[in-house]
Amino acid sequence: MSIHVDLSPQEITVPVVVRNASPARLYEDALTREKAGVVSSGAIAIRSGAKTGRSPKDKHIVRHEDSEKDVWWGSTNHPIEEHTFLLNRQRAIDYLNTRDQIYVFDGFAGWDPNHQIKVRVICARAYHALFMHNMLIRPTREELENFGDPDCVIYNAGQFPANSLTAQMTSRTSVDISLERKEQVILGTEYAGEMKKGVFTLMHWLLPPKGVLSMHCAANEGKSGDVSLFFGLSGTGKTTLSADPTRRLLGDDEHGWSDNGVFNIEGGCYAKCIGLALDKEPDIYRAIRFGTVLENVVYDKTTREVNYNSNAITENTRAAYPLKFIKNTRMPSLAGHPNHVIFLTCDASGVLPPVSRLTPEQAMYQFLSGYTARVAGTEMGVFQPQLAF
């Protein structure tokens, strides 16, 4: 669905820009220009490089007078000055402009039209373009023709490192977000999950002032219209439990809750696939087909069969696929107010019973305290569950 796009506002001057390419075209480029392979199910298997999880210690938010009072600064949100952000932004743009071909994906975040934003992804890898094709809400041809200026821009130059001598850099990896500019800059990591998390971070900033609760949760809907939410950190089971064949899936990770009900922010799912088996998670297993991105999995080079039990590359093996690949999906991905709220806790210290029914007061306490643990592999440097609040 390639339609000409003017990238001069983003200072991109590359001669060949592949915009909103089909999965088939992106497969071809990933196979010929990157070290990718097609597995027996038809999915494309690819490596994310040295980084196989997110790098939260290298994530930075621009400290700006318009937003600094509303950001929870600390171990999650590390401040950088705007000048540093602009240096990294220019470094990313300069790198992208050295490529003979780049990819652009224009899509949407937020299924509720009242709270939807236009997102532009600019990247140098077909893998990243296909990933965001799956994870954002894909536009129709008419919507793409009338896309206009994006609300948010992601500059993914992950193959190129940050300059560690630049002020406030913690390593050769830097994932920077400017809330005022609504831009994300990625340097020194090719892990695709940084892009989806960047969009979610921006939605965390945009939605609450509009009276919408942004939630790190999965959601599904029963036949009677009852809605369930599954809160939990990455790797705690949101995707697995929400993919219930008897209930319609809204989404597996990011949602908003407005006065009108719940809506998904994303257009796809990002499932962990370590230990994946047809008899245990049939919907997710069947969603791994042509168009799906398999990240850092091990497969037999002769039979092309994936070994989902192998963690030879990482514990954090992943599959990214569009919502429509799940058979029982609610489309568009909007529903009423929640009837059930479930907190999924990785209880690394063993202080909680396996299942607890909470009073409203207890539920509020758990929501605010957020007792859980970071799961091994989901973040760089996390090899054992680490307590988190």
Foldseek 3Di string as FASTA:
>chain_A
DADDDDCVVLPADAPAEGEPDDLVVLLVCCVPVHVWDAFPQQFIEHEFPPALAAAQQQEEEECDPVPNVPDDDDSRHDYDHVVLVVVLSVVLRVLLNVDNYKYKYWAWFWLPPVQIFIEIEIGRHSLLVLLQCAKAHHDDPVCVVVVPDGPAYEREPAVAFCDCPRPPGPDRWHWYAYLVSNYIYTYNTRHNVSVVVSVLVNSCVPPVVVQKHKAFWWWWAAPVQAIETEHDDPPLQQQQVQLDPRIATLARTIWIQHPFAIHGGIFKYKDFQQVNDCVRRVQVVQLRHNSKYWYPWDADPPNSHTDSNDQPPHSRIIIIGGSVSRPRHDPPSGGGHHPYYHYRAACPPPPDDPDDDDDPVVVVVCVVQVWHWDPAGNYPPRHHTHTDD
